[in-house]
Amino acid sequence: SLIHDDLPSMDNDDLRRGKPTCHVKFNEATAILAGDALQALAFETIADISSLTYQNHIRLVKILAANIGCSGMVKGQAIDLDCSATNLNQEQLDEMHNCKTGALIEASVLIGAITTQEMTDSQEFALKNFAQKIGLAFQIKDDVLDVESSTEAMGKLKGSDAHNKKCTYTSILGLDKSKDIASKLYSESIESLSGFDERASELKELAKFIISRAY
């Protein structure tokens, strides 16, 4: 998805993690095919988990397909492209990133939990809430870094959002309020995991990294 996200017809980014993006290093056709191949590989990887029941295999495939498809990541990207030169309010921006970023994080969290074959309905609700909260925090942190960080630290061009006339949290709420909201979302995401005790330690570390990262 990140390879496709960098394409000239999408965000048109030249750098990813400090290195030339796939279409820059190779060519656009290769980048499209690489993104397609990696997406197919995700489903192949799920199919190869031999310890799962048939029902849970189907459940994993359904979650991944829904969260990366027209009700998840693709929908969020479509909203992003359609509204890149217009102003959104916070509610609309939340919806876009719940689809674009939050859905991917939610799929990752739920897929990991389902592979245990022990997740309860209440635990699934808590994990979805965690993913949605930290997914928004991730995007707000991205917007803050685009203003405050450097090209060298981020591994991508600083100020690219403003250059591409993107509607961001910092552009509509300001830098300080954006930071406050991200901090609040982080706290709420951690609270969502209160019923898991030490079993959620890696998710808590993930959340901490998301909110404190410099890139």
Protein backbone atom coordinates (compact mmCIF):
# COMPACT_ATOMS: atom_id res chain seq x y z
CA SER A 1 0.00 0.00 0.00
CA LEU A 2 2.90 2.36 0.71
CA ILE A 3 4.43 1.67 -2.69
CA HIS A 4 1.12 2.60 -4.33
CA ASP A 5 0.72 5.58 -1.99
CA ASP A 6 4.00 7.04 -3.26
CA LEU A 7 3.06 6.81 -6.97
CA PRO A 8 2.86 9.99 -9.10
CA SER A 9 -0.91 9.56 -9.40
CA MET A 10 -1.23 9.41 -5.60
CA ASP A 11 1.10 11.37 -3.27
CA ASN A 12 3.97 11.57 -5.77
CA ASP A 13 6.69 11.12 -3.15
CA ASP A 14 10.35 10.72 -4.08
CA LEU A 15 11.54 9.43 -0.71
CA ARG A 16 10.41 6.67 1.64
CA ARG A 17 12.44 5.96 4.79
CA GLY A 18 15.24 8.09 3.38
CA LYS A 19 15.56 6.07 0.18
CA PRO A 20 14.20 6.62 -3.33
CA THR A 21 10.63 5.36 -3.65
CA CYS A 22 10.03 2.29 -5.79
CA HIS A 23 8.81 4.16 -8.88
CA VAL A 24 11.80 6.54 -8.67
CA LYS A 25 14.43 3.82 -8.20
CA PHE A 26 12.92 1.54 -10.84
CA ASN A 27 9.85 2.74 -12.77
CA GLU A 28 6.13 3.27 -12.29
CA ALA A 29 5.07 -0.07 -13.80
CA THR A 30 7.45 -1.98 -11.53
CA ALA A 31 6.13 -0.10 -8.50
CA ILE A 32 2.52 -0.96 -9.36
CA LEU A 33 3.39 -4.63 -9.81
CA ALA A 34 5.44 -4.71 -6.59
CA GLY A 35 2.54 -3.27 -4.61
CA ASP A 36 0.14 -5.77 -6.18
CA ALA A 37 2.49 -8.67 -5.45
CA LEU A 38 2.95 -7.71 -1.80
CA GLN A 39 -0.80 -7.40 -1.29
CA ALA A 40 -1.31 -10.90 -2.73
CA LEU A 41 1.51 -12.16 -0.50
CA ALA A 42 -0.43 -11.01 2.59
CA PHE A 43 -3.29 -13.35 1.72
CA GLU A 44 -0.89 -16.17 0.86
CA THR A 45 0.78 -15.75 4.26
CA ILE A 46 -2.56 -16.00 6.04
CA ALA A 47 -3.49 -19.10 4.06
CA ASP A 48 -0.23 -20.76 5.13
CA ILE A 49 -0.99 -20.57 8.89
CA SER A 50 -1.49 -24.29 9.47
CA SER A 51 -2.58 -24.04 13.11
CA LEU A 52 -5.84 -22.21 12.37
CA THR A 53 -9.27 -23.70 11.93
CA TYR A 54 -10.98 -23.28 8.57
CA GLN A 55 -13.43 -20.81 10.14
CA ASN A 56 -10.62 -18.62 11.48
CA HIS A 57 -8.80 -18.73 8.15
CA ILE A 58 -11.93 -17.32 6.52
CA ARG A 59 -12.27 -14.74 9.27
CA LEU A 60 -8.72 -13.49 8.76
CA VAL A 61 -9.17 -13.22 5.00
CA LYS A 62 -12.44 -11.33 5.45
CA ILE A 63 -10.95 -8.85 7.94
CA LEU A 64 -7.93 -8.14 5.76
CA ALA A 65 -9.99 -7.78 2.58
CA ALA A 66 -12.54 -5.47 4.23
CA ASN A 67 -9.95 -3.27 5.91
CA ILE A 68 -7.79 -2.74 2.84
CA GLY A 69 -10.70 -2.50 0.39
CA CYS A 70 -13.51 -0.14 -0.50
CA SER A 71 -14.72 0.18 3.10
CA GLY A 72 -11.21 0.69 4.50
CA MET A 73 -7.87 1.82 3.13
CA VAL A 74 -9.02 2.31 -0.47
CA LYS A 75 -11.96 4.43 0.70
CA GLY A 76 -9.66 6.58 2.83
CA GLN A 77 -7.23 7.08 -0.04
CA ALA A 78 -10.10 7.99 -2.38
CA ILE A 79 -11.33 10.63 0.08
CA ASP A 80 -7.77 11.92 0.42
CA LEU A 81 -7.33 12.31 -3.34
CA ASP A 82 -10.75 13.86 -3.81
CA CYS A 83 -10.33 16.40 -1.02
CA SER A 84 -6.62 17.20 -1.21
CA ALA A 85 -7.23 20.74 -2.46
CA THR A 86 -10.27 21.48 -0.26
CA ASN A 87 -10.81 22.07 3.41
CA LEU A 88 -12.26 19.30 5.58
CA ASN A 89 -13.54 19.65 9.11
CA GLN A 90 -12.12 17.49 11.91
CA GLU A 91 -14.94 14.93 11.72
CA GLN A 92 -14.34 14.39 8.00
CA LEU A 93 -10.60 14.21 8.54
CA ASP A 94 -11.14 11.62 11.27
CA GLU A 95 -13.27 9.52 8.90
CA MET A 96 -10.63 9.65 6.19
CA HIS A 97 -7.84 8.49 8.46
CA ASN A 98 -9.98 5.92 10.28
CA CYS A 99 -10.28 4.31 6.86
CA LYS A 100 -6.85 5.02 5.47
CA THR A 101 -4.61 4.35 8.50
CA GLY A 102 -6.83 3.09 11.30
CA ALA A 103 -8.25 0.23 9.25
CA LEU A 104 -4.78 -1.17 8.52
CA ILE A 105 -3.79 -1.01 12.18
CA GLU A 106 -7.12 -2.57 13.19
CA ALA A 107 -6.60 -5.45 10.75
CA SER A 108 -3.09 -6.06 12.09
CA VAL A 109 -4.24 -6.08 15.72
CA LEU A 110 -7.28 -8.30 15.14
CA ILE A 111 -5.44 -10.77 12.92
CA GLY A 112 -2.84 -11.28 15.62
CA ALA A 113 -5.53 -11.80 18.25
CA ILE A 114 -7.57 -14.20 16.14
CA THR A 115 -4.55 -16.45 15.59
CA THR A 116 -4.66 -17.23 19.33
CA GLN A 117 -8.17 -18.65 18.74
CA GLU A 118 -9.10 -17.44 22.24
CA MET A 119 -10.39 -13.89 21.66
CA THR A 120 -13.76 -13.05 23.23
CA ASP A 121 -16.29 -10.55 21.89
CA SER A 122 -15.44 -8.04 24.63
CA GLN A 123 -11.74 -8.38 23.87
CA GLU A 124 -12.41 -7.82 20.17
CA PHE A 125 -14.31 -4.62 21.01
CA ALA A 126 -11.44 -3.40 23.20
CA LEU A 127 -8.83 -4.15 20.52
CA LYS A 128 -10.85 -2.37 17.84
CA ASN A 129 -11.11 0.67 20.11
CA PHE A 130 -7.36 0.57 20.75
CA ALA A 131 -6.61 0.37 17.03
CA GLN A 132 -8.95 3.22 16.12
CA LYS A 133 -7.54 5.52 18.80
CA ILE A 134 -3.89 4.83 18.08
CA GLY A 135 -4.55 4.93 14.33
CA LEU A 136 -5.75 8.52 14.58
CA ALA A 137 -2.87 9.36 16.91
CA PHE A 138 -0.48 7.94 14.30
CA GLN A 139 -1.83 10.25 11.61
CA ILE A 140 -1.85 13.33 13.83
CA LYS A 141 1.75 12.59 14.79
CA ASP A 142 2.56 12.33 11.07
CA ASP A 143 1.05 15.77 10.50
CA VAL A 144 2.98 17.24 13.44
CA LEU A 145 6.25 15.76 12.17
CA ASP A 146 5.61 17.18 8.70
CA VAL A 147 5.71 20.62 10.35
CA GLU A 148 8.34 20.16 13.05
CA SER A 149 10.77 17.51 11.86
CA SER A 150 13.33 17.48 9.05
CA THR A 151 13.67 15.62 5.76
CA GLU A 152 16.69 13.77 7.17
CA ALA A 153 14.86 12.63 10.33
CA MET A 154 11.62 11.63 8.61
CA GLY A 155 13.13 10.06 5.53
CA LYS A 156 10.72 11.97 3.32
CA LEU A 157 10.43 15.54 2.14
CA LYS A 158 9.49 17.93 4.95
CA GLY A 159 6.42 20.05 4.24
CA SER A 160 5.14 17.72 1.55
CA ASP A 161 1.59 17.98 2.91
CA ALA A 162 1.54 21.75 2.51
CA HIS A 163 3.20 21.50 -0.89
CA ASN A 164 0.51 19.06 -2.06
CA LYS A 165 -2.23 21.22 -0.49
CA LYS A 166 -3.29 18.44 1.85
CA CYS A 167 -5.82 19.05 4.56
CA THR A 168 -4.11 18.02 7.82
CA TYR A 169 -4.80 18.20 11.55
CA THR A 170 -2.18 20.90 11.96
CA SER A 171 -3.64 22.97 9.12
CA ILE A 172 -7.15 23.01 10.58
CA LEU A 173 -6.48 22.76 14.33
CA GLY A 174 -3.02 24.22 14.78
CA LEU A 175 0.12 22.57 16.09
CA ASP A 176 -0.53 22.74 19.85
CA LYS A 177 -4.11 21.46 19.70
CA SER A 178 -3.05 18.65 17.38
CA LYS A 179 -0.44 17.56 19.91
CA ASP A 180 -3.00 17.67 22.72
CA ILE A 181 -5.45 15.50 20.77
CA ALA A 182 -2.75 12.98 19.88
CA SER A 183 -1.76 12.72 23.54
CA LYS A 184 -5.38 12.21 24.58
CA LEU A 185 -5.89 9.51 21.95
CA TYR A 186 -2.75 7.74 23.15
CA SER A 187 -4.04 7.72 26.74
CA GLU A 188 -7.41 6.40 25.60
CA SER A 189 -5.78 3.68 23.52
CA ILE A 190 -3.79 2.48 26.54
CA GLU A 191 -6.94 2.52 28.66
CA SER A 192 -8.63 0.26 26.11
CA LEU A 193 -6.07 -2.41 26.92
CA SER A 194 -6.65 -2.38 30.68
CA GLY A 195 -8.35 -5.79 30.67
CA PHE A 196 -5.42 -7.59 29.09
CA ASP A 197 -2.75 -7.04 31.76
CA GLU A 198 0.76 -8.04 30.60
CA ARG A 199 -0.63 -9.72 27.47
CA ALA A 200 -0.96 -6.27 25.89
CA SER A 201 2.62 -5.20 26.63
CA GLU A 202 3.68 -5.25 22.97
CA LEU A 203 0.63 -3.23 21.90
CA LYS A 204 1.44 -0.68 24.60
CA GLU A 205 5.01 -0.47 23.32
CA LEU A 206 3.67 0.03 19.80
CA ALA A 207 1.42 2.85 20.99
CA LYS A 208 4.30 4.48 22.86
CA PHE A 209 6.48 4.34 19.75
CA ILE A 210 3.73 5.85 17.58
CA ILE A 211 3.26 8.85 19.84
CA SER A 212 6.94 9.48 20.60
CA ARG A 213 8.63 8.73 17.26
CA ALA A 214 10.71 11.30 15.38
CA TYR A 215 10.04 9.87 11.92
